[in-house]
Amino acid sequence: MKRDTLDEIYKSYMDEVYRYLLFLCRNHYLAEDVMQETFYRAYLHLEDCPEERVKPWLFRVAHNAFVDIQRKDTRNYTKAHDYFERLTDGVSAEDEAIKKEGLTELTTIICNLPGKQQEAILLYDFHGFSYDQSAEIMDVKVGYFKVLLFRARQKIRQERGV
């Protein structure tokens, strides 16, 4: 594959892959390291991936790189608490404060979910992958993925009192 194509893929998906890894790692520096490993692996094996499936394949590579590093390193990392607070979309200060409060509450709830449920919510609801793609990224069956997603959403509803 051409170098231009690789550059386009990096530019297109770098932010999403980083946010996904940051949420999994809960450490800015580790997320950057895993992201580098992800794109290095992608560079080596990109020709094996069909063009229309680049994004799910790339997230699968990121997931596998994260799992590999997690197996090697048993230390527990804490997530940077100000990550979601730094995200803005140009709305009024009042709307931003309300959104920030809701997002902080949701982030706390998601962080307290079991690991696989966290990942299911992130892949399906935040990154917009299909059931099949999400299950493939997590290396689980689609039926099990749906159960994980249902349970995660159910716990979020319970915590929010909805």
N, C-alpha and C. Protein backbone atom coordinates (compact mmCIF):
# COMPACT_ATOMS: atom_id res chain seq x y z
N MET A 1 0.84 -1.18 0.00
CA MET A 1 0.00 0.00 0.00
C MET A 1 0.89 1.24 0.00
N LYS A 2 0.42 2.29 -0.60
CA LYS A 2 1.23 3.49 -0.73
C LYS A 2 1.39 4.21 0.61
N ARG A 3 2.46 4.95 0.70
CA ARG A 3 2.72 5.74 1.91
C ARG A 3 1.64 6.80 2.12
N ASP A 4 1.13 7.39 1.01
CA ASP A 4 0.07 8.40 1.12
C ASP A 4 -1.17 7.81 1.80
N THR A 5 -1.51 6.58 1.46
CA THR A 5 -2.67 5.93 2.05
C THR A 5 -2.45 5.74 3.54
N LEU A 6 -1.28 5.33 3.93
CA LEU A 6 -0.97 5.14 5.35
C LEU A 6 -1.05 6.46 6.11
N ASP A 7 -0.55 7.52 5.51
CA ASP A 7 -0.64 8.84 6.14
C ASP A 7 -2.09 9.26 6.32
N GLU A 8 -2.93 9.01 5.31
CA GLU A 8 -4.34 9.36 5.39
C GLU A 8 -5.04 8.57 6.50
N ILE A 9 -4.73 7.30 6.59
CA ILE A 9 -5.33 6.47 7.64
C ILE A 9 -4.92 6.98 9.01
N TYR A 10 -3.66 7.31 9.17
CA TYR A 10 -3.18 7.82 10.45
C TYR A 10 -3.90 9.12 10.81
N LYS A 11 -3.96 10.03 9.86
CA LYS A 11 -4.62 11.32 10.12
C LYS A 11 -6.11 11.15 10.39
N SER A 12 -6.75 10.22 9.71
CA SER A 12 -8.19 10.02 9.84
C SER A 12 -8.58 9.39 11.18
N TYR A 13 -7.76 8.46 11.67
CA TYR A 13 -8.18 7.66 12.82
C TYR A 13 -7.35 7.86 14.07
N MET A 14 -6.32 8.68 14.01
CA MET A 14 -5.43 8.87 15.15
C MET A 14 -6.17 9.31 16.40
N ASP A 15 -7.01 10.34 16.28
CA ASP A 15 -7.72 10.86 17.45
C ASP A 15 -8.67 9.84 18.06
N GLU A 16 -9.43 9.14 17.22
CA GLU A 16 -10.37 8.15 17.72
C GLU A 16 -9.66 7.00 18.40
N VAL A 17 -8.60 6.51 17.79
CA VAL A 17 -7.84 5.40 18.38
C VAL A 17 -7.22 5.85 19.70
N TYR A 18 -6.70 7.06 19.74
CA TYR A 18 -6.10 7.57 20.97
C TYR A 18 -7.14 7.66 22.09
N ARG A 19 -8.32 8.22 21.79
CA ARG A 19 -9.36 8.34 22.82
C ARG A 19 -9.80 6.96 23.32
N TYR A 20 -9.94 6.03 22.41
CA TYR A 20 -10.32 4.66 22.78
C TYR A 20 -9.25 4.06 23.70
N LEU A 21 -8.00 4.20 23.33
CA LEU A 21 -6.92 3.64 24.14
C LEU A 21 -6.76 4.38 25.47
N LEU A 22 -6.97 5.68 25.45
CA LEU A 22 -6.88 6.44 26.70
C LEU A 22 -7.93 5.97 27.69
N PHE A 23 -9.12 5.71 27.20
CA PHE A 23 -10.16 5.23 28.09
C PHE A 23 -9.82 3.84 28.62
N LEU A 24 -9.24 2.99 27.79
CA LEU A 24 -8.85 1.66 28.24
C LEU A 24 -7.68 1.71 29.20
N CYS A 25 -6.66 2.50 28.87
CA CYS A 25 -5.42 2.55 29.65
C CYS A 25 -5.55 3.41 30.90
N ARG A 26 -6.31 4.48 30.77
CA ARG A 26 -6.45 5.47 31.84
C ARG A 26 -5.13 6.14 32.19
N ASN A 27 -4.28 6.23 31.19
CA ASN A 27 -2.99 6.87 31.37
C ASN A 27 -2.56 7.44 30.02
N HIS A 28 -2.35 8.74 29.98
CA HIS A 28 -2.02 9.44 28.75
C HIS A 28 -0.77 8.85 28.08
N TYR A 29 0.28 8.63 28.85
CA TYR A 29 1.54 8.17 28.28
C TYR A 29 1.45 6.73 27.78
N LEU A 30 0.76 5.90 28.52
CA LEU A 30 0.58 4.51 28.08
C LEU A 30 -0.28 4.47 26.83
N ALA A 31 -1.33 5.31 26.77
CA ALA A 31 -2.19 5.36 25.59
C ALA A 31 -1.38 5.78 24.36
N GLU A 32 -0.48 6.74 24.53
CA GLU A 32 0.38 7.15 23.41
C GLU A 32 1.28 6.00 22.96
N ASP A 33 1.86 5.28 23.93
CA ASP A 33 2.72 4.14 23.59
C ASP A 33 1.94 3.06 22.84
N VAL A 34 0.74 2.75 23.33
CA VAL A 34 -0.07 1.71 22.68
C VAL A 34 -0.52 2.19 21.30
N MET A 35 -0.80 3.49 21.17
CA MET A 35 -1.18 4.02 19.86
C MET A 35 -0.02 3.88 18.87
N GLN A 36 1.18 4.19 19.33
CA GLN A 36 2.35 4.01 18.46
C GLN A 36 2.48 2.56 18.03
N GLU A 37 2.32 1.65 18.97
CA GLU A 37 2.40 0.22 18.66
C GLU A 37 1.30 -0.18 17.68
N THR A 38 0.11 0.39 17.86
CA THR A 38 -1.03 0.09 16.98
C THR A 38 -0.71 0.48 15.54
N PHE A 39 -0.24 1.70 15.34
CA PHE A 39 0.03 2.15 13.98
C PHE A 39 1.28 1.49 13.39
N TYR A 40 2.20 1.07 14.23
CA TYR A 40 3.35 0.31 13.75
C TYR A 40 2.87 -1.04 13.21
N ARG A 41 2.03 -1.71 13.99
CA ARG A 41 1.48 -2.99 13.54
C ARG A 41 0.62 -2.81 12.29
N ALA A 42 -0.15 -1.73 12.26
CA ALA A 42 -0.98 -1.44 11.08
C ALA A 42 -0.11 -1.23 9.85
N TYR A 43 0.98 -0.53 10.02
CA TYR A 43 1.91 -0.28 8.92
C TYR A 43 2.43 -1.60 8.36
N LEU A 44 2.74 -2.54 9.25
CA LEU A 44 3.30 -3.82 8.82
C LEU A 44 2.27 -4.72 8.12
N HIS A 45 1.00 -4.59 8.49
CA HIS A 45 0.01 -5.55 8.00
C HIS A 45 -1.19 -4.93 7.30
N LEU A 46 -1.10 -3.69 6.90
CA LEU A 46 -2.24 -3.00 6.30
C LEU A 46 -2.70 -3.64 4.99
N GLU A 47 -1.80 -4.20 4.24
CA GLU A 47 -2.20 -4.80 2.97
C GLU A 47 -3.09 -6.02 3.16
N ASP A 48 -3.15 -6.57 4.38
CA ASP A 48 -4.02 -7.72 4.67
C ASP A 48 -5.47 -7.30 4.93
N CYS A 49 -5.71 -6.01 5.05
CA CYS A 49 -7.04 -5.51 5.42
C CYS A 49 -7.77 -4.95 4.21
N PRO A 50 -9.04 -5.35 4.02
CA PRO A 50 -9.83 -4.73 2.93
C PRO A 50 -10.07 -3.26 3.23
N GLU A 51 -10.10 -2.42 2.20
CA GLU A 51 -10.20 -0.97 2.37
C GLU A 51 -11.45 -0.54 3.13
N GLU A 52 -12.58 -1.22 2.89
CA GLU A 52 -13.82 -0.81 3.54
C GLU A 52 -13.88 -1.20 5.01
N ARG A 53 -12.93 -1.98 5.49
CA ARG A 53 -12.93 -2.43 6.89
C ARG A 53 -11.72 -1.90 7.66
N VAL A 54 -11.15 -0.80 7.22
CA VAL A 54 -9.94 -0.28 7.86
C VAL A 54 -10.20 0.13 9.31
N LYS A 55 -11.27 0.88 9.55
CA LYS A 55 -11.52 1.38 10.91
C LYS A 55 -11.73 0.24 11.91
N PRO A 56 -12.62 -0.73 11.66
CA PRO A 56 -12.77 -1.82 12.62
C PRO A 56 -11.49 -2.63 12.79
N TRP A 57 -10.78 -2.83 11.68
CA TRP A 57 -9.52 -3.57 11.75
C TRP A 57 -8.51 -2.82 12.60
N LEU A 58 -8.44 -1.52 12.44
CA LEU A 58 -7.50 -0.70 13.20
C LEU A 58 -7.83 -0.74 14.70
N PHE A 59 -9.11 -0.68 15.03
CA PHE A 59 -9.50 -0.78 16.44
C PHE A 59 -9.19 -2.17 16.99
N ARG A 60 -9.30 -3.18 16.17
CA ARG A 60 -8.94 -4.54 16.59
C ARG A 60 -7.44 -4.60 16.88
N VAL A 61 -6.65 -4.00 16.03
CA VAL A 61 -5.20 -3.94 16.24
C VAL A 61 -4.90 -3.20 17.54
N ALA A 62 -5.60 -2.09 17.78
CA ALA A 62 -5.41 -1.31 19.01
C ALA A 62 -5.79 -2.14 20.23
N HIS A 63 -6.91 -2.84 20.15
CA HIS A 63 -7.34 -3.70 21.25
C HIS A 63 -6.28 -4.76 21.55
N ASN A 64 -5.79 -5.41 20.51
CA ASN A 64 -4.78 -6.46 20.70
C ASN A 64 -3.48 -5.90 21.27
N ALA A 65 -3.08 -4.73 20.81
CA ALA A 65 -1.86 -4.10 21.34
C ALA A 65 -2.05 -3.76 22.82
N PHE A 66 -3.24 -3.26 23.17
CA PHE A 66 -3.53 -2.96 24.57
C PHE A 66 -3.48 -4.22 25.43
N VAL A 67 -4.11 -5.28 24.95
CA VAL A 67 -4.12 -6.55 25.70
C VAL A 67 -2.70 -7.08 25.86
N ASP A 68 -1.89 -7.00 24.82
CA ASP A 68 -0.50 -7.46 24.89
C ASP A 68 0.28 -6.68 25.94
N ILE A 69 0.14 -5.38 25.94
CA ILE A 69 0.87 -4.55 26.91
C ILE A 69 0.34 -4.78 28.31
N GLN A 70 -0.97 -4.97 28.43
CA GLN A 70 -1.56 -5.23 29.74
C GLN A 70 -1.07 -6.55 30.32
N ARG A 71 -0.88 -7.53 29.48
CA ARG A 71 -0.35 -8.82 29.94
C ARG A 71 1.08 -8.67 30.45
N LYS A 72 1.85 -7.83 29.78
CA LYS A 72 3.25 -7.64 30.16
C LYS A 72 3.39 -6.80 31.42
N ASP A 73 2.46 -5.88 31.61
CA ASP A 73 2.58 -4.93 32.71
C ASP A 73 1.41 -5.07 33.66
N THR A 74 1.64 -5.49 34.88
CA THR A 74 0.55 -5.72 35.82
C THR A 74 0.23 -4.51 36.67
N ARG A 75 0.93 -3.41 36.48
CA ARG A 75 0.65 -2.20 37.25
C ARG A 75 -0.73 -1.66 36.90
N ASN A 76 -1.36 -1.01 37.84
CA ASN A 76 -2.67 -0.41 37.64
C ASN A 76 -2.52 1.09 37.44
N TYR A 77 -3.09 1.62 36.35
CA TYR A 77 -2.98 3.03 36.03
C TYR A 77 -4.31 3.72 36.32
N THR A 78 -4.23 4.96 36.77
CA THR A 78 -5.44 5.73 36.97
C THR A 78 -5.66 6.65 35.78
N LYS A 79 -6.92 6.84 35.45
CA LYS A 79 -7.28 7.68 34.30
C LYS A 79 -7.12 9.15 34.68
N ALA A 80 -6.67 9.95 33.73
CA ALA A 80 -6.58 11.39 33.95
C ALA A 80 -7.99 11.94 34.09
N HIS A 81 -8.30 12.54 35.22
CA HIS A 81 -9.66 12.97 35.50
C HIS A 81 -10.11 14.16 34.65
N ASP A 82 -9.19 14.92 34.13
CA ASP A 82 -9.59 16.10 33.37
C ASP A 82 -9.74 15.85 31.87
N TYR A 83 -9.61 14.61 31.41
CA TYR A 83 -9.67 14.34 29.98
C TYR A 83 -10.99 14.80 29.37
N PHE A 84 -12.11 14.36 29.92
CA PHE A 84 -13.40 14.72 29.34
C PHE A 84 -13.74 16.18 29.61
N GLU A 85 -13.18 16.77 30.64
CA GLU A 85 -13.43 18.18 30.92
C GLU A 85 -12.79 19.08 29.87
N ARG A 86 -11.74 18.61 29.24
CA ARG A 86 -11.05 19.42 28.24
C ARG A 86 -11.73 19.40 26.88
N LEU A 87 -12.69 18.52 26.68
CA LEU A 87 -13.39 18.43 25.40
C LEU A 87 -14.49 19.49 25.34
N THR A 88 -14.46 20.35 24.32
CA THR A 88 -15.50 21.37 24.15
C THR A 88 -15.98 21.35 22.71
N ASP A 89 -17.19 21.84 22.50
CA ASP A 89 -17.73 21.88 21.14
C ASP A 89 -18.31 23.25 20.77
N GLY A 90 -17.92 24.31 21.47
CA GLY A 90 -18.32 25.66 21.10
C GLY A 90 -19.73 26.05 21.51
N VAL A 91 -20.28 25.47 22.56
CA VAL A 91 -21.61 25.83 23.03
C VAL A 91 -21.50 26.88 24.13
N SER A 92 -22.64 27.40 24.59
CA SER A 92 -22.62 28.43 25.62
C SER A 92 -22.03 27.88 26.91
N ALA A 93 -21.60 28.79 27.78
CA ALA A 93 -20.97 28.38 29.04
C ALA A 93 -21.94 27.57 29.91
N GLU A 94 -23.19 27.99 29.93
CA GLU A 94 -24.19 27.27 30.73
C GLU A 94 -24.42 25.86 30.18
N ASP A 95 -24.60 25.78 28.86
CA ASP A 95 -24.79 24.47 28.23
C ASP A 95 -23.56 23.59 28.44
N GLU A 96 -22.40 24.20 28.34
CA GLU A 96 -21.16 23.45 28.53
C GLU A 96 -21.05 22.93 29.96
N ALA A 97 -21.45 23.75 30.94
CA ALA A 97 -21.39 23.32 32.34
C ALA A 97 -22.35 22.16 32.59
N ILE A 98 -23.55 22.25 32.02
CA ILE A 98 -24.53 21.16 32.18
C ILE A 98 -24.02 19.90 31.50
N LYS A 99 -23.48 20.06 30.31
CA LYS A 99 -22.95 18.91 29.57
C LYS A 99 -21.77 18.30 30.32
N LYS A 100 -20.89 19.15 30.85
CA LYS A 100 -19.71 18.69 31.57
C LYS A 100 -20.12 17.89 32.81
N GLU A 101 -21.13 18.38 33.52
CA GLU A 101 -21.61 17.69 34.71
C GLU A 101 -22.17 16.31 34.36
N GLY A 102 -22.99 16.28 33.30
CA GLY A 102 -23.55 15.00 32.85
C GLY A 102 -22.49 14.05 32.34
N LEU A 103 -21.53 14.58 31.62
CA LEU A 103 -20.45 13.75 31.09
C LEU A 103 -19.56 13.22 32.20
N THR A 104 -19.31 14.04 33.20
CA THR A 104 -18.51 13.60 34.34
C THR A 104 -19.22 12.47 35.08
N GLU A 105 -20.53 12.63 35.27
CA GLU A 105 -21.32 11.59 35.93
C GLU A 105 -21.30 10.31 35.10
N LEU A 106 -21.51 10.44 33.79
CA LEU A 106 -21.52 9.27 32.91
C LEU A 106 -20.15 8.60 32.88
N THR A 107 -19.10 9.39 32.82
CA THR A 107 -17.74 8.85 32.81
C THR A 107 -17.47 8.06 34.08
N THR A 108 -17.89 8.60 35.21
CA THR A 108 -17.70 7.91 36.49
C THR A 108 -18.44 6.58 36.49
N ILE A 109 -19.67 6.61 36.00
CA ILE A 109 -20.46 5.38 35.96
C ILE A 109 -19.80 4.36 35.04
N ILE A 110 -19.37 4.79 33.86
CA ILE A 110 -18.73 3.87 32.91
C ILE A 110 -17.43 3.32 33.48
N CYS A 111 -16.67 4.15 34.18
CA CYS A 111 -15.41 3.69 34.77
C CYS A 111 -15.64 2.63 35.85
N ASN A 112 -16.81 2.62 36.46
CA ASN A 112 -17.11 1.64 37.49
C ASN A 112 -17.69 0.34 36.94
N LEU A 113 -17.93 0.29 35.63
CA LEU A 113 -18.42 -0.93 35.00
C LEU A 113 -17.27 -1.93 34.88
N PRO A 114 -17.59 -3.23 34.83
CA PRO A 114 -16.54 -4.22 34.55
C PRO A 114 -15.88 -3.94 33.18
N GLY A 115 -14.64 -4.33 33.02
CA GLY A 115 -13.83 -4.00 31.84
C GLY A 115 -14.48 -4.31 30.51
N LYS A 116 -15.03 -5.50 30.36
CA LYS A 116 -15.63 -5.87 29.08
C LYS A 116 -16.87 -5.03 28.79
N GLN A 117 -17.64 -4.68 29.83
CA GLN A 117 -18.82 -3.85 29.62
C GLN A 117 -18.41 -2.43 29.23
N GLN A 118 -17.34 -1.93 29.84
CA GLN A 118 -16.82 -0.61 29.46
C GLN A 118 -16.47 -0.61 27.98
N GLU A 119 -15.75 -1.62 27.58
CA GLU A 119 -15.30 -1.68 26.19
C GLU A 119 -16.47 -1.80 25.23
N ALA A 120 -17.49 -2.57 25.60
CA ALA A 120 -18.68 -2.72 24.75
C ALA A 120 -19.36 -1.37 24.54
N ILE A 121 -19.54 -0.61 25.62
CA ILE A 121 -20.16 0.72 25.52
C ILE A 121 -19.31 1.63 24.64
N LEU A 122 -18.02 1.63 24.86
CA LEU A 122 -17.13 2.50 24.08
C LEU A 122 -17.19 2.19 22.59
N LEU A 123 -17.07 0.92 22.25
CA LEU A 123 -17.02 0.55 20.83
C LEU A 123 -18.35 0.81 20.13
N TYR A 124 -19.45 0.41 20.75
CA TYR A 124 -20.74 0.51 20.07
C TYR A 124 -21.33 1.91 20.16
N ASP A 125 -21.41 2.46 21.35
CA ASP A 125 -22.10 3.74 21.54
C ASP A 125 -21.24 4.96 21.25
N PHE A 126 -19.96 4.90 21.58
CA PHE A 126 -19.10 6.07 21.40
C PHE A 126 -18.42 6.09 20.04
N HIS A 127 -18.01 4.92 19.55
CA HIS A 127 -17.28 4.88 18.28
C HIS A 127 -18.13 4.41 17.10
N GLY A 128 -19.36 3.98 17.36
CA GLY A 128 -20.31 3.68 16.29
C GLY A 128 -20.04 2.41 15.51
N PHE A 129 -19.35 1.45 16.10
CA PHE A 129 -19.16 0.18 15.41
C PHE A 129 -20.44 -0.65 15.49
N SER A 130 -20.62 -1.55 14.54
CA SER A 130 -21.77 -2.44 14.55
C SER A 130 -21.55 -3.53 15.60
N TYR A 131 -22.59 -4.32 15.85
CA TYR A 131 -22.45 -5.44 16.79
C TYR A 131 -21.34 -6.38 16.32
N ASP A 132 -21.39 -6.72 15.03
CA ASP A 132 -20.40 -7.65 14.49
C ASP A 132 -18.98 -7.11 14.60
N GLN A 133 -18.80 -5.85 14.23
CA GLN A 133 -17.47 -5.25 14.29
C GLN A 133 -16.97 -5.16 15.73
N SER A 134 -17.85 -4.75 16.63
CA SER A 134 -17.46 -4.62 18.04
C SER A 134 -17.10 -5.98 18.62
N ALA A 135 -17.90 -6.98 18.33
CA ALA A 135 -17.62 -8.33 18.82
C ALA A 135 -16.29 -8.84 18.27
N GLU A 136 -16.04 -8.55 17.01
CA GLU A 136 -14.78 -8.96 16.39
C GLU A 136 -13.59 -8.27 17.05
N ILE A 137 -13.72 -6.98 17.32
CA ILE A 137 -12.64 -6.23 17.97
C ILE A 137 -12.35 -6.81 19.35
N MET A 138 -13.41 -7.15 20.08
CA MET A 138 -13.25 -7.67 21.44
C MET A 138 -12.94 -9.17 21.47
N ASP A 139 -13.02 -9.81 20.31
CA ASP A 139 -12.77 -11.24 20.18
C ASP A 139 -13.76 -12.06 21.02
N VAL A 140 -15.05 -11.69 20.88
CA VAL A 140 -16.13 -12.43 21.53
C VAL A 140 -17.21 -12.69 20.50
N LYS A 141 -18.13 -13.58 20.83
CA LYS A 141 -19.25 -13.86 19.93
C LYS A 141 -20.25 -12.71 19.99
N VAL A 142 -20.99 -12.51 18.92
CA VAL A 142 -21.94 -11.40 18.81
C VAL A 142 -22.98 -11.48 19.93
N GLY A 143 -23.48 -12.69 20.20
CA GLY A 143 -24.47 -12.85 21.26
C GLY A 143 -23.93 -12.41 22.61
N TYR A 144 -22.71 -12.77 22.93
CA TYR A 144 -22.09 -12.36 24.19
C TYR A 144 -21.87 -10.85 24.22
N PHE A 145 -21.49 -10.29 23.07
CA PHE A 145 -21.31 -8.84 22.99
C PHE A 145 -22.62 -8.12 23.31
N LYS A 146 -23.72 -8.61 22.75
CA LYS A 146 -25.03 -7.99 22.99
C LYS A 146 -25.40 -8.06 24.47
N VAL A 147 -25.06 -9.18 25.12
CA VAL A 147 -25.33 -9.32 26.55
C VAL A 147 -24.50 -8.31 27.34
N LEU A 148 -23.23 -8.17 26.98
CA LEU A 148 -22.36 -7.19 27.65
C LEU A 148 -22.91 -5.78 27.51
N LEU A 149 -23.31 -5.43 26.30
CA LEU A 149 -23.84 -4.10 26.03
C LEU A 149 -25.14 -3.86 26.80
N PHE A 150 -26.03 -4.86 26.80
CA PHE A 150 -27.30 -4.73 27.53
C PHE A 150 -27.05 -4.53 29.02
N ARG A 151 -26.17 -5.33 29.59
CA ARG A 151 -25.89 -5.22 31.02
C ARG A 151 -25.23 -3.88 31.37
N ALA A 152 -24.35 -3.43 30.51
CA ALA A 152 -23.70 -2.13 30.74
C ALA A 152 -24.73 -1.01 30.72
N ARG A 153 -25.60 -1.02 29.73
CA ARG A 153 -26.63 0.02 29.63
C ARG A 153 -27.59 -0.05 30.81
N GLN A 154 -27.91 -1.26 31.22
CA GLN A 154 -28.81 -1.45 32.36
C GLN A 154 -28.19 -0.87 33.63
N LYS A 155 -26.91 -1.11 33.85
CA LYS A 155 -26.23 -0.56 35.03
C LYS A 155 -26.15 0.97 34.96
N ILE A 156 -25.93 1.49 33.78
CA ILE A 156 -25.87 2.95 33.62
C ILE A 156 -27.25 3.55 33.95
N ARG A 157 -28.31 2.94 33.45
CA ARG A 157 -29.67 3.43 33.75
C ARG A 157 -29.95 3.38 35.26
N GLN A 158 -29.55 2.29 35.90
CA GLN A 158 -29.76 2.16 37.34
C GLN A 158 -29.02 3.24 38.11
N GLU A 159 -27.79 3.48 37.73
CA GLU A 159 -26.98 4.48 38.43
C GLU A 159 -27.52 5.90 38.23
N ARG A 160 -28.04 6.17 37.06
CA ARG A 160 -28.56 7.50 36.75
C ARG A 160 -29.99 7.69 37.21
N GLY A 161 -30.63 6.59 37.66
CA GLY A 161 -32.00 6.67 38.12
C GLY A 161 -33.02 6.88 37.02
N VAL A 162 -32.70 6.37 35.83
CA VAL A 162 -33.60 6.54 34.68
C VAL A 162 -34.49 5.34 34.54
